[in-house]
Amino acid sequence: MIHQPYGDIAGAWRAFIEAQKAGKVRSIGVSNFSPDRLLDLELMSGVKPAVNQIEVSPWFQQNKAVEFNQQDHVQVEAWAPFAEGKRDIFNNPVIMKIADKYGKSTSQIILHWIIERELIVIPKTVHRKRMIENIVGASLRALQK
């Protein structure tokens, strides 16, 4: 994955394409590419990334970027789905009200919202209890589809 659209993107992307053709990697992707940078990459190489990892959270929904990627058949992976804990996201009254209504935690509600948008999400936590909560919440949602 190319982490940022800076430096010799064209050279790095060509190397990724060669590695994929040689069978050294299965999929290639990018991170933090805006729609215009993603389009430049595709037009330059004729190869679109399998995934674009962009920040997506309730505070930074990126609706236009998500829509562009999805219409272009590039899978979006949401990084920082919990907004890195900023603005007291786990105690937000609106999210807490939804969580109470459905008997879920605030993190499960946020994960559900992201999964409903058909985004990949890999939540970060160092707390075992939260890991289990996130896995159970995501697993139950996946089984419902």
C-alpha atoms as a PDB file:
ATOM      1  CA  MET A   1       0.000   0.000   0.000  1.00  0.00           C
ATOM      2  CA  ILE A   2       1.296   3.438  -0.903  1.00  0.00           C
ATOM      3  CA  HIS A   3       0.699   5.405   2.287  1.00  0.00           C
ATOM      4  CA  GLN A   4       0.453   8.970   0.967  1.00  0.00           C
ATOM      5  CA  PRO A   5       0.249  10.528  -2.507  1.00  0.00           C
ATOM      6  CA  TYR A   6       3.705  12.126  -2.236  1.00  0.00           C
ATOM      7  CA  GLY A   7       7.070  11.520  -3.842  1.00  0.00           C
ATOM      8  CA  ASP A   8       7.568   9.189  -6.784  1.00  0.00           C
ATOM      9  CA  ILE A   9       4.058   7.744  -6.807  1.00  0.00           C
ATOM     10  CA  ALA A  10       4.323   6.684 -10.449  1.00  0.00           C
ATOM     11  CA  GLY A  11       7.534   4.748  -9.836  1.00  0.00           C
ATOM     12  CA  ALA A  12       6.209   3.134  -6.670  1.00  0.00           C
ATOM     13  CA  TRP A  13       2.948   2.177  -8.379  1.00  0.00           C
ATOM     14  CA  ARG A  14       4.800   0.647 -11.346  1.00  0.00           C
ATOM     15  CA  ALA A  15       6.866  -1.414  -8.880  1.00  0.00           C
ATOM     16  CA  PHE A  16       3.651  -2.550  -7.163  1.00  0.00           C
ATOM     17  CA  ILE A  17       2.143  -3.564 -10.503  1.00  0.00           C
ATOM     18  CA  GLU A  18       5.278  -5.556 -11.380  1.00  0.00           C
ATOM     19  CA  ALA A  19       5.257  -7.283  -7.985  1.00  0.00           C
ATOM     20  CA  GLN A  20       1.620  -8.220  -8.527  1.00  0.00           C
ATOM     21  CA  LYS A  21       2.294  -9.528 -12.043  1.00  0.00           C
ATOM     22  CA  ALA A  22       5.202 -11.580 -10.683  1.00  0.00           C
ATOM     23  CA  GLY A  23       2.890 -13.137  -8.105  1.00  0.00           C
ATOM     24  CA  LYS A  24       4.765 -11.619  -5.184  1.00  0.00           C
ATOM     25  CA  VAL A  25       1.639  -9.839  -3.911  1.00  0.00           C
ATOM     26  CA  ARG A  26      -2.014 -10.579  -4.458  1.00  0.00           C
ATOM     27  CA  SER A  27      -3.460  -7.085  -4.218  1.00  0.00           C
ATOM     28  CA  ILE A  28      -2.127  -3.553  -4.315  1.00  0.00           C
ATOM     29  CA  GLY A  29      -3.637  -0.462  -2.813  1.00  0.00           C
ATOM     30  CA  VAL A  30      -3.219   3.045  -1.550  1.00  0.00           C
ATOM     31  CA  SER A  31      -3.901   5.047   1.565  1.00  0.00           C
ATOM     32  CA  ASN A  32      -5.042   8.637   1.935  1.00  0.00           C
ATOM     33  CA  PHE A  33      -5.596   9.184  -1.783  1.00  0.00           C
ATOM     34  CA  SER A  34      -8.224  11.804  -2.597  1.00  0.00           C
ATOM     35  CA  PRO A  35     -10.443  11.158  -5.641  1.00  0.00           C
ATOM     36  CA  ASP A  36      -8.302  13.331  -7.925  1.00  0.00           C
ATOM     37  CA  ARG A  37      -5.042  11.604  -6.883  1.00  0.00           C
ATOM     38  CA  LEU A  38      -6.693   8.199  -7.301  1.00  0.00           C
ATOM     39  CA  LEU A  39      -7.876   9.121 -10.787  1.00  0.00           C
ATOM     40  CA  ASP A  40      -4.390  10.391 -11.712  1.00  0.00           C
ATOM     41  CA  LEU A  41      -2.915   7.060 -10.614  1.00  0.00           C
ATOM     42  CA  GLU A  42      -5.417   5.051 -12.646  1.00  0.00           C
ATOM     43  CA  LEU A  43      -5.016   7.189 -15.773  1.00  0.00           C
ATOM     44  CA  MET A  44      -1.218   7.044 -15.515  1.00  0.00           C
ATOM     45  CA  SER A  45      -1.049   3.274 -15.141  1.00  0.00           C
ATOM     46  CA  GLY A  46      -4.313   1.768 -16.316  1.00  0.00           C
ATOM     47  CA  VAL A  47      -4.423  -0.166 -13.020  1.00  0.00           C
ATOM     48  CA  LYS A  48      -6.713   0.789 -10.194  1.00  0.00           C
ATOM     49  CA  PRO A  49      -5.972  -0.032  -6.570  1.00  0.00           C
ATOM     50  CA  ALA A  50      -7.912  -2.796  -4.888  1.00  0.00           C
ATOM     51  CA  VAL A  51      -8.294  -0.633  -1.786  1.00  0.00           C
ATOM     52  CA  ASN A  52      -7.978   2.971  -0.656  1.00  0.00           C
ATOM     53  CA  GLN A  53      -7.549   3.330   3.081  1.00  0.00           C
ATOM     54  CA  ILE A  54      -8.994   6.688   4.152  1.00  0.00           C
ATOM     55  CA  GLU A  55     -10.033   8.182   7.454  1.00  0.00           C
ATOM     56  CA  VAL A  56     -13.750   7.642   8.038  1.00  0.00           C
ATOM     57  CA  SER A  57     -15.551   8.224  11.326  1.00  0.00           C
ATOM     58  CA  PRO A  58     -18.810   9.810  12.454  1.00  0.00           C
ATOM     59  CA  TRP A  59     -16.889  13.102  12.700  1.00  0.00           C
ATOM     60  CA  PHE A  60     -15.208  12.726   9.286  1.00  0.00           C
ATOM     61  CA  GLN A  61     -17.625  10.853   7.043  1.00  0.00           C
ATOM     62  CA  GLN A  62     -15.970  11.594   3.686  1.00  0.00           C
ATOM     63  CA  ASN A  63     -19.190  10.966   1.771  1.00  0.00           C
ATOM     64  CA  LYS A  64     -17.891  12.266  -1.570  1.00  0.00           C
ATOM     65  CA  ALA A  65     -14.595  10.362  -1.361  1.00  0.00           C
ATOM     66  CA  VAL A  66     -16.358   7.147  -0.317  1.00  0.00           C
ATOM     67  CA  GLU A  67     -18.893   7.502  -3.127  1.00  0.00           C
ATOM     68  CA  PHE A  68     -16.141   8.146  -5.704  1.00  0.00           C
ATOM     69  CA  ASN A  69     -14.164   5.079  -4.622  1.00  0.00           C
ATOM     70  CA  GLN A  70     -17.238   2.854  -4.562  1.00  0.00           C
ATOM     71  CA  GLN A  71     -18.392   4.005  -8.003  1.00  0.00           C
ATOM     72  CA  ASP A  72     -14.862   3.364  -9.273  1.00  0.00           C
ATOM     73  CA  HIS A  73     -14.922  -0.145  -7.730  1.00  0.00           C
ATOM     74  CA  VAL A  74     -12.110   0.614  -5.300  1.00  0.00           C
ATOM     75  CA  GLN A  75     -12.826  -0.822  -1.850  1.00  0.00           C
ATOM     76  CA  VAL A  76     -12.621   1.710   0.970  1.00  0.00           C
ATOM     77  CA  GLU A  77     -11.019   0.748   4.262  1.00  0.00           C
ATOM     78  CA  ALA A  78     -11.991   3.096   7.078  1.00  0.00           C
ATOM     79  CA  TRP A  79      -9.059   3.951   9.322  1.00  0.00           C
ATOM     80  CA  ALA A  80      -9.632   5.693  12.654  1.00  0.00           C
ATOM     81  CA  PRO A  81     -13.302   4.627  12.737  1.00  0.00           C
ATOM     82  CA  PHE A  82     -13.489   5.763  16.372  1.00  0.00           C
ATOM     83  CA  ALA A  83     -11.916   9.147  15.505  1.00  0.00           C
ATOM     84  CA  GLU A  84      -8.942   8.156  17.639  1.00  0.00           C
ATOM     85  CA  GLY A  85     -11.188   8.744  20.665  1.00  0.00           C
ATOM     86  CA  LYS A  86     -11.456  12.463  19.932  1.00  0.00           C
ATOM     87  CA  ARG A  87     -14.407  14.602  20.976  1.00  0.00           C
ATOM     88  CA  ASP A  88     -15.415  11.956  23.520  1.00  0.00           C
ATOM     89  CA  ILE A  89     -16.930   9.815  20.759  1.00  0.00           C
ATOM     90  CA  PHE A  90     -17.765   6.890  23.060  1.00  0.00           C
ATOM     91  CA  ASN A  91     -19.897   9.170  25.242  1.00  0.00           C
ATOM     92  CA  ASN A  92     -21.591  11.110  22.470  1.00  0.00           C
ATOM     93  CA  PRO A  93     -25.267  11.508  23.436  1.00  0.00           C
ATOM     94  CA  VAL A  94     -26.637  10.735  19.971  1.00  0.00           C
ATOM     95  CA  ILE A  95     -24.535   7.592  19.535  1.00  0.00           C
ATOM     96  CA  MET A  96     -25.286   6.536  23.111  1.00  0.00           C
ATOM     97  CA  LYS A  97     -29.043   6.948  22.511  1.00  0.00           C
ATOM     98  CA  ILE A  98     -28.836   4.692  19.451  1.00  0.00           C
ATOM     99  CA  ALA A  99     -26.708   2.189  21.360  1.00  0.00           C
ATOM    100  CA  ASP A 100     -29.221   2.098  24.236  1.00  0.00           C
ATOM    101  CA  LYS A 101     -32.117   1.628  21.815  1.00  0.00           C
ATOM    102  CA  TYR A 102     -30.493  -1.478  20.303  1.00  0.00           C
ATOM    103  CA  GLY A 103     -28.748  -2.808  23.400  1.00  0.00           C
ATOM    104  CA  LYS A 104     -25.294  -2.337  21.891  1.00  0.00           C
ATOM    105  CA  SER A 105     -22.171  -0.410  22.791  1.00  0.00           C
ATOM    106  CA  THR A 106     -21.293   2.872  21.115  1.00  0.00           C
ATOM    107  CA  SER A 107     -18.364   1.196  19.358  1.00  0.00           C
ATOM    108  CA  GLN A 108     -20.691  -1.494  17.954  1.00  0.00           C
ATOM    109  CA  ILE A 109     -23.033   1.218  16.638  1.00  0.00           C
ATOM    110  CA  ILE A 110     -20.144   3.001  14.920  1.00  0.00           C
ATOM    111  CA  LEU A 111     -18.860  -0.269  13.424  1.00  0.00           C
ATOM    112  CA  HIS A 112     -22.367  -1.148  12.265  1.00  0.00           C
ATOM    113  CA  TRP A 113     -22.696   2.247  10.560  1.00  0.00           C
ATOM    114  CA  ILE A 114     -19.386   1.735   8.734  1.00  0.00           C
ATOM    115  CA  ILE A 115     -20.215  -1.842   7.706  1.00  0.00           C
ATOM    116  CA  GLU A 116     -23.629  -0.690   6.449  1.00  0.00           C
ATOM    117  CA  ARG A 117     -21.743   1.693   4.148  1.00  0.00           C
ATOM    118  CA  GLU A 118     -19.956  -1.411   2.768  1.00  0.00           C
ATOM    119  CA  LEU A 119     -16.561  -0.261   4.008  1.00  0.00           C
ATOM    120  CA  ILE A 120     -13.791  -2.406   5.429  1.00  0.00           C
ATOM    121  CA  VAL A 121     -13.130  -1.542   9.049  1.00  0.00           C
ATOM    122  CA  ILE A 122     -10.376  -2.708  11.360  1.00  0.00           C
ATOM    123  CA  PRO A 123     -10.920  -1.040  14.727  1.00  0.00           C
ATOM    124  CA  LYS A 124      -7.918  -0.400  16.936  1.00  0.00           C
ATOM    125  CA  THR A 125      -7.918  -1.069  20.640  1.00  0.00           C
ATOM    126  CA  VAL A 126      -5.476  -2.426  23.180  1.00  0.00           C
ATOM    127  CA  HIS A 127      -8.226  -3.450  25.604  1.00  0.00           C
ATOM    128  CA  ARG A 128      -9.218  -7.131  25.512  1.00  0.00           C
ATOM    129  CA  LYS A 129     -12.837  -6.400  26.496  1.00  0.00           C
ATOM    130  CA  ARG A 130     -13.223  -3.929  23.638  1.00  0.00           C
ATOM    131  CA  MET A 131     -11.572  -6.328  21.181  1.00  0.00           C
ATOM    132  CA  ILE A 132     -14.132  -8.986  22.040  1.00  0.00           C
ATOM    133  CA  GLU A 133     -16.978  -6.457  21.896  1.00  0.00           C
ATOM    134  CA  ASN A 134     -15.857  -5.237  18.467  1.00  0.00           C
ATOM    135  CA  ILE A 135     -15.374  -8.768  17.105  1.00  0.00           C
ATOM    136  CA  VAL A 136     -18.740  -9.939  18.404  1.00  0.00           C
ATOM    137  CA  GLY A 137     -20.501  -6.844  17.083  1.00  0.00           C
ATOM    138  CA  ALA A 138     -18.889  -7.110  13.661  1.00  0.00           C
ATOM    139  CA  SER A 139     -19.382 -10.891  13.502  1.00  0.00           C
ATOM    140  CA  LEU A 140     -23.076 -10.672  14.319  1.00  0.00           C
ATOM    141  CA  ARG A 141     -23.540  -8.028  11.646  1.00  0.00           C
ATOM    142  CA  ALA A 142     -21.743 -10.118   9.052  1.00  0.00           C
ATOM    143  CA  LEU A 143     -23.986 -13.093   9.823  1.00  0.00           C
ATOM    144  CA  GLN A 144     -27.114 -10.976   9.251  1.00  0.00           C
ATOM    145  CA  LYS A 145     -26.197 -10.240   5.627  1.00  0.00           C
END
